[in-house]
Amino acid sequence: MMTAAVAIEITSGAERDLAGIWQRRLTQRGPDGDDGADALLDDLVASIESLVNNPEKGPVPPELEALGITDFRQLSRFPFRIIYG
């Protein structure tokens, strides 16, 4: 069953995290190439945008589920996790 499309809001904290991830990768590998900063940011943003049509895509994080918190889900993009709710 398909879930209705939802609006995605990236918080200012998440934007800062994405900027920091991009900056770190830029320092490590530069902006270009398959493993460059731009490609990594594009992949993370595409993962976030994929939630528009499938917001229940990822599982509940196990550490939250163990506490009885099931309002959040996660997508894994090794070595990163995108937590959303």
PDB file of N, CA and C in Angstrom:
ATOM      1  N   MET A   1       0.840  -1.179   0.000  1.00  0.00           N
ATOM      2  CA  MET A   1       0.000   0.000   0.000  1.00  0.00           C
ATOM      3  C   MET A   1       0.888   1.247   0.000  1.00  0.00           C
ATOM      4  N   MET A   2       0.627   2.149  -0.916  1.00  0.00           N
ATOM      5  CA  MET A   2       1.374   3.396  -0.987  1.00  0.00           C
ATOM      6  C   MET A   2       0.835   4.388   0.029  1.00  0.00           C
ATOM      7  N   THR A   3       1.731   5.106   0.644  1.00  0.00           N
ATOM      8  CA  THR A   3       1.362   6.160   1.565  1.00  0.00           C
ATOM      9  C   THR A   3       1.286   7.461   0.776  1.00  0.00           C
ATOM     10  N   ALA A   4       0.370   8.336   1.154  1.00  0.00           N
ATOM     11  CA  ALA A   4       0.244   9.627   0.477  1.00  0.00           C
ATOM     12  C   ALA A   4       1.536  10.426   0.623  1.00  0.00           C
ATOM     13  N   ALA A   5       1.826  11.235  -0.384  1.00  0.00           N
ATOM     14  CA  ALA A   5       3.017  12.082  -0.348  1.00  0.00           C
ATOM     15  C   ALA A   5       2.931  13.035   0.835  1.00  0.00           C
ATOM     16  N   VAL A   6       4.076  13.302   1.429  1.00  0.00           N
ATOM     17  CA  VAL A   6       4.153  14.201   2.571  1.00  0.00           C
ATOM     18  C   VAL A   6       5.156  15.312   2.270  1.00  0.00           C
ATOM     19  N   ALA A   7       5.056  16.389   3.018  1.00  0.00           N
ATOM     20  CA  ALA A   7       6.026  17.475   2.906  1.00  0.00           C
ATOM     21  C   ALA A   7       7.241  17.125   3.763  1.00  0.00           C
ATOM     22  N   ILE A   8       8.406  17.448   3.276  1.00  0.00           N
ATOM     23  CA  ILE A   8       9.647  17.205   4.002  1.00  0.00           C
ATOM     24  C   ILE A   8      10.185  18.546   4.477  1.00  0.00           C
ATOM     25  N   GLU A   9      10.504  18.624   5.759  1.00  0.00           N
ATOM     26  CA  GLU A   9      11.114  19.828   6.321  1.00  0.00           C
ATOM     27  C   GLU A   9      12.459  19.442   6.913  1.00  0.00           C
ATOM     28  N   ILE A  10      13.500  20.086   6.461  1.00  0.00           N
ATOM     29  CA  ILE A  10      14.830  19.852   7.010  1.00  0.00           C
ATOM     30  C   ILE A  10      15.074  20.935   8.055  1.00  0.00           C
ATOM     31  N   THR A  11      15.287  20.523   9.290  1.00  0.00           N
ATOM     32  CA  THR A  11      15.473  21.484  10.376  1.00  0.00           C
ATOM     33  C   THR A  11      16.801  22.221  10.218  1.00  0.00           C
ATOM     34  N   SER A  12      16.930  23.341  10.907  1.00  0.00           N
ATOM     35  CA  SER A  12      18.182  24.098  10.846  1.00  0.00           C
ATOM     36  C   SER A  12      19.329  23.270  11.419  1.00  0.00           C
ATOM     37  N   GLY A  13      19.055  22.454  12.431  1.00  0.00           N
ATOM     38  CA  GLY A  13      20.094  21.577  12.978  1.00  0.00           C
ATOM     39  C   GLY A  13      20.558  20.558  11.957  1.00  0.00           C
ATOM     40  N   ALA A  14      19.610  19.988  11.210  1.00  0.00           N
ATOM     41  CA  ALA A  14      19.964  19.024  10.167  1.00  0.00           C
ATOM     42  C   ALA A  14      20.742  19.710   9.045  1.00  0.00           C
ATOM     43  N   GLU A  15      20.365  20.942   8.708  1.00  0.00           N
ATOM     44  CA  GLU A  15      21.109  21.689   7.686  1.00  0.00           C
ATOM     45  C   GLU A  15      22.548  21.920   8.133  1.00  0.00           C
ATOM     46  N   ARG A  16      22.738  22.252   9.411  1.00  0.00           N
ATOM     47  CA  ARG A  16      24.096  22.432   9.938  1.00  0.00           C
ATOM     48  C   ARG A  16      24.874  21.117   9.879  1.00  0.00           C
ATOM     49  N   ASP A  17      24.205  20.025  10.227  1.00  0.00           N
ATOM     50  CA  ASP A  17      24.862  18.714  10.154  1.00  0.00           C
ATOM     51  C   ASP A  17      25.289  18.395   8.725  1.00  0.00           C
ATOM     52  N   LEU A  18      24.394  18.621   7.763  1.00  0.00           N
ATOM     53  CA  LEU A  18      24.721  18.363   6.359  1.00  0.00           C
ATOM     54  C   LEU A  18      25.883  19.234   5.894  1.00  0.00           C
ATOM     55  N   ALA A  19      25.894  20.500   6.304  1.00  0.00           N
ATOM     56  CA  ALA A  19      26.993  21.400   5.932  1.00  0.00           C
ATOM     57  C   ALA A  19      28.310  20.913   6.536  1.00  0.00           C
ATOM     58  N   GLY A  20      28.265  20.448   7.777  1.00  0.00           N
ATOM     59  CA  GLY A  20      29.466  19.926   8.425  1.00  0.00           C
ATOM     60  C   GLY A  20      29.973  18.657   7.762  1.00  0.00           C
ATOM     61  N   ILE A  21      29.056  17.776   7.390  1.00  0.00           N
ATOM     62  CA  ILE A  21      29.425  16.540   6.685  1.00  0.00           C
ATOM     63  C   ILE A  21      30.069  16.887   5.349  1.00  0.00           C
ATOM     64  N   TRP A  22      29.463  17.826   4.619  1.00  0.00           N
ATOM     65  CA  TRP A  22      30.012  18.245   3.329  1.00  0.00           C
ATOM     66  C   TRP A  22      31.415  18.826   3.508  1.00  0.00           C
ATOM     67  N   GLN A  23      31.575  19.704   4.503  1.00  0.00           N
ATOM     68  CA  GLN A  23      32.870  20.348   4.738  1.00  0.00           C
ATOM     69  C   GLN A  23      33.943  19.320   5.089  1.00  0.00           C
ATOM     70  N   ARG A  24      33.598  18.357   5.924  1.00  0.00           N
ATOM     71  CA  ARG A  24      34.552  17.316   6.311  1.00  0.00           C
ATOM     72  C   ARG A  24      34.974  16.493   5.091  1.00  0.00           C
ATOM     73  N   ARG A  25      33.999  16.112   4.259  1.00  0.00           N
ATOM     74  CA  ARG A  25      34.322  15.332   3.057  1.00  0.00           C
ATOM     75  C   ARG A  25      35.125  16.174   2.072  1.00  0.00           C
ATOM     76  N   LEU A  26      34.814  17.460   1.979  1.00  0.00           N
ATOM     77  CA  LEU A  26      35.569  18.352   1.099  1.00  0.00           C
ATOM     78  C   LEU A  26      37.038  18.369   1.499  1.00  0.00           C
ATOM     79  N   THR A  27      37.292  18.460   2.793  1.00  0.00           N
ATOM     80  CA  THR A  27      38.660  18.465   3.305  1.00  0.00           C
ATOM     81  C   THR A  27      39.355  17.138   3.028  1.00  0.00           C
ATOM     82  N   GLN A  28      38.608  16.039   3.157  1.00  0.00           N
ATOM     83  CA  GLN A  28      39.191  14.707   2.984  1.00  0.00           C
ATOM     84  C   GLN A  28      39.431  14.342   1.524  1.00  0.00           C
ATOM     85  N   ARG A  29      38.450  14.640   0.656  1.00  0.00           N
ATOM     86  CA  ARG A  29      38.500  14.093  -0.704  1.00  0.00           C
ATOM     87  C   ARG A  29      38.232  15.099  -1.809  1.00  0.00           C
ATOM     88  N   GLY A  30      37.980  16.351  -1.458  1.00  0.00           N
ATOM     89  CA  GLY A  30      37.682  17.349  -2.471  1.00  0.00           C
ATOM     90  C   GLY A  30      36.213  17.331  -2.867  1.00  0.00           C
ATOM     91  N   PRO A  31      35.836  18.231  -3.789  1.00  0.00           N
ATOM     92  CA  PRO A  31      34.422  18.365  -4.130  1.00  0.00           C
ATOM     93  C   PRO A  31      33.930  17.377  -5.184  1.00  0.00           C
ATOM     94  N   ASP A  32      34.824  16.868  -6.020  1.00  0.00           N
ATOM     95  CA  ASP A  32      34.403  16.118  -7.204  1.00  0.00           C
ATOM     96  C   ASP A  32      34.631  14.618  -7.066  1.00  0.00           C
ATOM     97  N   GLY A  33      34.090  13.886  -8.022  1.00  0.00           N
ATOM     98  CA  GLY A  33      34.268  12.439  -8.081  1.00  0.00           C
ATOM     99  C   GLY A  33      33.154  11.705  -7.350  1.00  0.00           C
ATOM    100  N   ASP A  34      33.154  10.385  -7.532  1.00  0.00           N
ATOM    101  CA  ASP A  34      32.107   9.554  -6.944  1.00  0.00           C
ATOM    102  C   ASP A  34      32.088   9.601  -5.424  1.00  0.00           C
ATOM    103  N   ASP A  35      33.238   9.874  -4.801  1.00  0.00           N
ATOM    104  CA  ASP A  35      33.288   9.920  -3.342  1.00  0.00           C
ATOM    105  C   ASP A  35      33.591  11.325  -2.819  1.00  0.00           C
ATOM    106  N   GLY A  36      33.382  12.335  -3.660  1.00  0.00           N
ATOM    107  CA  GLY A  36      33.627  13.713  -3.265  1.00  0.00           C
ATOM    108  C   GLY A  36      32.492  14.294  -2.434  1.00  0.00           C
ATOM    109  N   ALA A  37      32.725  15.481  -1.931  1.00  0.00           N
ATOM    110  CA  ALA A  37      31.766  16.154  -1.054  1.00  0.00           C
ATOM    111  C   ALA A  37      30.429  16.401  -1.742  1.00  0.00           C
ATOM    112  N   ASP A  38      30.466  16.820  -2.994  1.00  0.00           N
ATOM    113  CA  ASP A  38      29.212  17.115  -3.698  1.00  0.00           C
ATOM    114  C   ASP A  38      28.376  15.856  -3.906  1.00  0.00           C
ATOM    115  N   ALA A  39      29.027  14.748  -4.286  1.00  0.00           N
ATOM    116  CA  ALA A  39      28.308  13.488  -4.507  1.00  0.00           C
ATOM    117  C   ALA A  39      27.700  12.973  -3.208  1.00  0.00           C
ATOM    118  N   LEU A  40      28.436  13.093  -2.111  1.00  0.00           N
ATOM    119  CA  LEU A  40      27.915  12.644  -0.820  1.00  0.00           C
ATOM    120  C   LEU A  40      26.698  13.465  -0.425  1.00  0.00           C
ATOM    121  N   LEU A  41      26.796  14.779  -0.546  1.00  0.00           N
ATOM    122  CA  LEU A  41      25.659  15.632  -0.196  1.00  0.00           C
ATOM    123  C   LEU A  41      24.461  15.321  -1.086  1.00  0.00           C
ATOM    124  N   ASP A  42      24.700  15.150  -2.379  1.00  0.00           N
ATOM    125  CA  ASP A  42      23.608  14.804  -3.301  1.00  0.00           C
ATOM    126  C   ASP A  42      22.931  13.500  -2.888  1.00  0.00           C
ATOM    127  N   ASP A  43      23.719  12.505  -2.482  1.00  0.00           N
ATOM    128  CA  ASP A  43      23.168  11.213  -2.066  1.00  0.00           C
ATOM    129  C   ASP A  43      22.325  11.358  -0.799  1.00  0.00           C
ATOM    130  N   LEU A  44      22.825  12.108   0.165  1.00  0.00           N
ATOM    131  CA  LEU A  44      22.075  12.292   1.410  1.00  0.00           C
ATOM    132  C   LEU A  44      20.773  13.049   1.161  1.00  0.00           C
ATOM    133  N   VAL A  45      20.827  14.098   0.353  1.00  0.00           N
ATOM    134  CA  VAL A  45      19.619  14.873   0.045  1.00  0.00           C
ATOM    135  C   VAL A  45      18.626  14.018  -0.746  1.00  0.00           C
ATOM    136  N   ALA A  46      19.107  13.221  -1.688  1.00  0.00           N
ATOM    137  CA  ALA A  46      18.209  12.331  -2.441  1.00  0.00           C
ATOM    138  C   ALA A  46      17.536  11.328  -1.511  1.00  0.00           C
ATOM    139  N   SER A  47      18.271  10.836  -0.532  1.00  0.00           N
ATOM    140  CA  SER A  47      17.682   9.915   0.446  1.00  0.00           C
ATOM    141  C   SER A  47      16.571  10.595   1.228  1.00  0.00           C
ATOM    142  N   ILE A  48      16.819  11.821   1.642  1.00  0.00           N
ATOM    143  CA  ILE A  48      15.800  12.584   2.374  1.00  0.00           C
ATOM    144  C   ILE A  48      14.589  12.834   1.479  1.00  0.00           C
ATOM    145  N   GLU A  49      14.833  13.256   0.246  1.00  0.00           N
ATOM    146  CA  GLU A  49      13.727  13.550  -0.672  1.00  0.00           C
ATOM    147  C   GLU A  49      12.917  12.303  -1.018  1.00  0.00           C
ATOM    148  N   SER A  50      13.527  11.125  -0.939  1.00  0.00           N
ATOM    149  CA  SER A  50      12.802   9.887  -1.240  1.00  0.00           C
ATOM    150  C   SER A  50      11.692   9.622  -0.233  1.00  0.00           C
ATOM    151  N   LEU A  51      11.747  10.291   0.889  1.00  0.00           N
ATOM    152  CA  LEU A  51      10.724  10.105   1.925  1.00  0.00           C
ATOM    153  C   LEU A  51       9.401  10.764   1.554  1.00  0.00           C
ATOM    154  N   VAL A  52       9.404  11.667   0.587  1.00  0.00           N
ATOM    155  CA  VAL A  52       8.178  12.360   0.178  1.00  0.00           C
ATOM    156  C   VAL A  52       7.089  11.356  -0.185  1.00  0.00           C
ATOM    157  N   ASN A  53       7.438  10.356  -0.962  1.00  0.00           N
ATOM    158  CA  ASN A  53       6.450   9.373  -1.416  1.00  0.00           C
ATOM    159  C   ASN A  53       6.423   8.098  -0.587  1.00  0.00           C
ATOM    160  N   ASN A  54       7.335   7.959   0.339  1.00  0.00           N
ATOM    161  CA  ASN A  54       7.386   6.749   1.154  1.00  0.00           C
ATOM    162  C   ASN A  54       7.907   7.083   2.552  1.00  0.00           C
ATOM    163  N   PRO A  55       7.134   7.836   3.342  1.00  0.00           N
ATOM    164  CA  PRO A  55       7.622   8.312   4.637  1.00  0.00           C
ATOM    165  C   PRO A  55       7.833   7.214   5.677  1.00  0.00           C
ATOM    166  N   GLU A  56       7.289   6.041   5.447  1.00  0.00           N
ATOM    167  CA  GLU A  56       7.477   4.941   6.397  1.00  0.00           C
ATOM    168  C   GLU A  56       8.542   3.959   5.907  1.00  0.00           C
ATOM    169  N   LYS A  57       9.410   4.444   5.051  1.00  0.00           N
ATOM    170  CA  LYS A  57      10.423   3.641   4.375  1.00  0.00           C
ATOM    171  C   LYS A  57      11.374   2.921   5.341  1.00  0.00           C
ATOM    172  N   GLY A  58      11.875   3.618   6.318  1.00  0.00           N
ATOM    173  CA  GLY A  58      12.893   3.040   7.194  1.00  0.00           C
ATOM    174  C   GLY A  58      12.314   2.476   8.479  1.00  0.00           C
ATOM    175  N   PRO A  59      13.112   1.679   9.176  1.00  0.00           N
ATOM    176  CA  PRO A  59      12.660   1.106  10.439  1.00  0.00           C
ATOM    177  C   PRO A  59      12.768   2.104  11.595  1.00  0.00           C
ATOM    178  N   VAL A  60      12.096   1.793  12.677  1.00  0.00           N
ATOM    179  CA  VAL A  60      12.248   2.557  13.914  1.00  0.00           C
ATOM    180  C   VAL A  60      13.654   2.254  14.445  1.00  0.00           C
ATOM    181  N   PRO A  61      14.417   3.285  14.868  1.00  0.00           N
ATOM    182  CA  PRO A  61      15.739   3.006  15.430  1.00  0.00           C
ATOM    183  C   PRO A  61      15.608   2.079  16.647  1.00  0.00           C
ATOM    184  N   PRO A  62      16.379   0.998  16.699  1.00  0.00           N
ATOM    185  CA  PRO A  62      16.211   0.016  17.767  1.00  0.00           C
ATOM    186  C   PRO A  62      16.393   0.584  19.168  1.00  0.00           C
ATOM    187  N   GLU A  63      17.293   1.555  19.322  1.00  0.00           N
ATOM    188  CA  GLU A  63      17.511   2.117  20.657  1.00  0.00           C
ATOM    189  C   GLU A  63      16.310   2.937  21.117  1.00  0.00           C
ATOM    190  N   LEU A  64      15.573   3.534  20.178  1.00  0.00           N
ATOM    191  CA  LEU A  64      14.347   4.248  20.538  1.00  0.00           C
ATOM    192  C   LEU A  64      13.204   3.268  20.776  1.00  0.00           C
ATOM    193  N   GLU A  65      13.121   2.257  19.930  1.00  0.00           N
ATOM    194  CA  GLU A  65      12.074   1.254  20.092  1.00  0.00           C
ATOM    195  C   GLU A  65      12.183   0.567  21.450  1.00  0.00           C
ATOM    196  N   ALA A  66      13.411   0.341  21.914  1.00  0.00           N
ATOM    197  CA  ALA A  66      13.625  -0.281  23.225  1.00  0.00           C
ATOM    198  C   ALA A  66      13.082   0.587  24.354  1.00  0.00           C
ATOM    199  N   LEU A  67      12.993   1.896  24.109  1.00  0.00           N
ATOM    200  CA  LEU A  67      12.441   2.829  25.099  1.00  0.00           C
ATOM    201  C   LEU A  67      10.950   3.063  24.893  1.00  0.00           C
ATOM    202  N   GLY A  68      10.370   2.384  23.918  1.00  0.00           N
ATOM    203  CA  GLY A  68       8.949   2.557  23.627  1.00  0.00           C
ATOM    204  C   GLY A  68       8.648   3.757  22.754  1.00  0.00           C
ATOM    205  N   ILE A  69       9.680   4.350  22.155  1.00  0.00           N
ATOM    206  CA  ILE A  69       9.509   5.514  21.282  1.00  0.00           C
ATOM    207  C   ILE A  69       9.457   5.010  19.846  1.00  0.00           C
ATOM    208  N   THR A  70       8.310   5.157  19.210  1.00  0.00           N
ATOM    209  CA  THR A  70       8.149   4.641  17.846  1.00  0.00           C
ATOM    210  C   THR A  70       7.729   5.724  16.854  1.00  0.00           C
ATOM    211  N   ASP A  71       7.883   6.991  17.238  1.00  0.00           N
ATOM    212  CA  ASP A  71       7.498   8.108  16.371  1.00  0.00           C
ATOM    213  C   ASP A  71       8.562   8.450  15.336  1.00  0.00           C
ATOM    214  N   PHE A  72       9.733   7.844  15.437  1.00  0.00           N
ATOM    215  CA  PHE A  72      10.843   8.168  14.551  1.00  0.00           C
ATOM    216  C   PHE A  72      11.254   6.939  13.758  1.00  0.00           C
ATOM    217  N   ARG A  73      11.831   7.196  12.596  1.00  0.00           N
ATOM    218  CA  ARG A  73      12.357   6.144  11.733  1.00  0.00           C
ATOM    219  C   ARG A  73      13.759   6.554  11.302  1.00  0.00           C
ATOM    220  N   GLN A  74      14.437   5.652  10.628  1.00  0.00           N
ATOM    221  CA  GLN A  74      15.799   5.946  10.186  1.00  0.00           C
ATOM    222  C   GLN A  74      16.063   5.398   8.792  1.00  0.00           C
ATOM    223  N   LEU A  75      16.936   6.087   8.094  1.00  0.00           N
ATOM    224  CA  LEU A  75      17.521   5.591   6.846  1.00  0.00           C
ATOM    225  C   LEU A  75      19.017   5.506   7.086  1.00  0.00           C
ATOM    226  N   SER A  76      19.633   4.450   6.638  1.00  0.00           N
ATOM    227  CA  SER A  76      21.078   4.292   6.783  1.00  0.00           C
ATOM    228  C   SER A  76      21.751   4.586   5.455  1.00  0.00           C
ATOM    229  N   ARG A  77      22.725   5.455   5.494  1.00  0.00           N
ATOM    230  CA  ARG A  77      23.608   5.745   4.365  1.00  0.00           C
ATOM    231  C   ARG A  77      25.015   5.736   4.939  1.00  0.00           C
ATOM    232  N   PHE A  78      25.569   4.522   5.068  1.00  0.00           N
ATOM    233  CA  PHE A  78      26.821   4.321   5.784  1.00  0.00           C
ATOM    234  C   PHE A  78      27.853   5.371   5.400  1.00  0.00           C
ATOM    235  N   PRO A  79      28.502   5.961   6.379  1.00  0.00           N
ATOM    236  CA  PRO A  79      28.436   5.715   7.810  1.00  0.00           C
ATOM    237  C   PRO A  79      27.418   6.604   8.539  1.00  0.00           C
ATOM    238  N   PHE A  80      26.462   7.142   7.814  1.00  0.00           N
ATOM    239  CA  PHE A  80      25.510   8.088   8.398  1.00  0.00           C
ATOM    240  C   PHE A  80      24.141   7.457   8.593  1.00  0.00           C
ATOM    241  N   ARG A  81      23.380   8.043   9.518  1.00  0.00           N
ATOM    242  CA  ARG A  81      21.981   7.676   9.724  1.00  0.00           C
ATOM    243  C   ARG A  81      21.154   8.937   9.620  1.00  0.00           C
ATOM    244  N   ILE A  82      20.055   8.842   8.924  1.00  0.00           N
ATOM    245  CA  ILE A  82      19.103   9.943   8.831  1.00  0.00           C
ATOM    246  C   ILE A  82      17.930   9.551   9.721  1.00  0.00           C
ATOM    247  N   ILE A  83      17.739  10.292  10.808  1.00  0.00           N
ATOM    248  CA  ILE A  83      16.639  10.028  11.733  1.00  0.00           C
ATOM    249  C   ILE A  83      15.534  11.022  11.397  1.00  0.00           C
ATOM    250  N   TYR A  84      14.321  10.528  11.240  1.00  0.00           N
ATOM    251  CA  TYR A  84      13.210  11.407  10.873  1.00  0.00           C
ATOM    252  C   TYR A  84      11.936  10.960  11.562  1.00  0.00           C
ATOM    253  N   GLY A  85      11.008  11.889  11.641  1.00  0.00           N
ATOM    254  CA  GLY A  85       9.726  11.556  12.269  1.00  0.00           C
ATOM    255  C   GLY A  85       8.667  12.552  11.914  1.00  0.00           C
TER     256      GLY A  85
END
